Amino acid sequence: MRVVVQRVSQAGVSAGGKLLGSIDKGLVLLVAFRDSDAEPELRWMADKVWGLRVFPDENRKMNLSAGDVGGALLIVSQFTLYGDVSRGKRPSFVEAARPEKAVTLYERFVQVCREGPGRVETGEFGAMMDVELVNDGPVTILIDR
C-alpha cells in the first residue's frame, strides 16, 4: 500500500463537473494498493495517517495530528502511484492491484479511516477526477507499507 499525504488548508475532488468531496484543514490522501494488501495494511495505514503529527503546535513545531486539530481526510484512489518508469518512459503498473481487488481495498480503507477521530470525504474509485488543493506548508509525505 502506498499513500501520498498532503497537509492542506482546503481541498476538493470532482468528476464530470460534480463535486464529490471537499475538506478544509486536513490531509489529502492519494492511495494505491497492491494485490498482496489486506486488512492489516489498511488498519496500519489508517492509524498512521490519523496519528501523523504534521500540524503545528503553539510553538510552530509539527507536533499535532489531524485529529488533534479537528482536521478531516480527503481520500482519493490513485493507482498511478505504482507506476514504474525504471525501464523506458511509459509507466508500467504491474505492481498495482487489479481494479476488482483495488476497489474492495479502497472501500475498506475508507471504512477503517471513518473509525478515526474526524470526518472523511472521498473521490470516486476509477473515475477521471479533478483534485484541487492548497498544500499547507507545503507538507507532503510518502508512506509505503
Foldseek 3Di string as FASTA:
>chain_A
DKKKKFFFQKKWKDFPPHTQDIWGGAIEIADFAFPPDDDVVLLVVLVCQQQPQQAQDPVGDSGGGCLRVQGEYEYEYDLCVQFDCPDDRGTDSNRTYDLVRGVVSSVVSQVSNVVDRHYYTYDDPPGPMDMDTGGVVGDIDMDDD
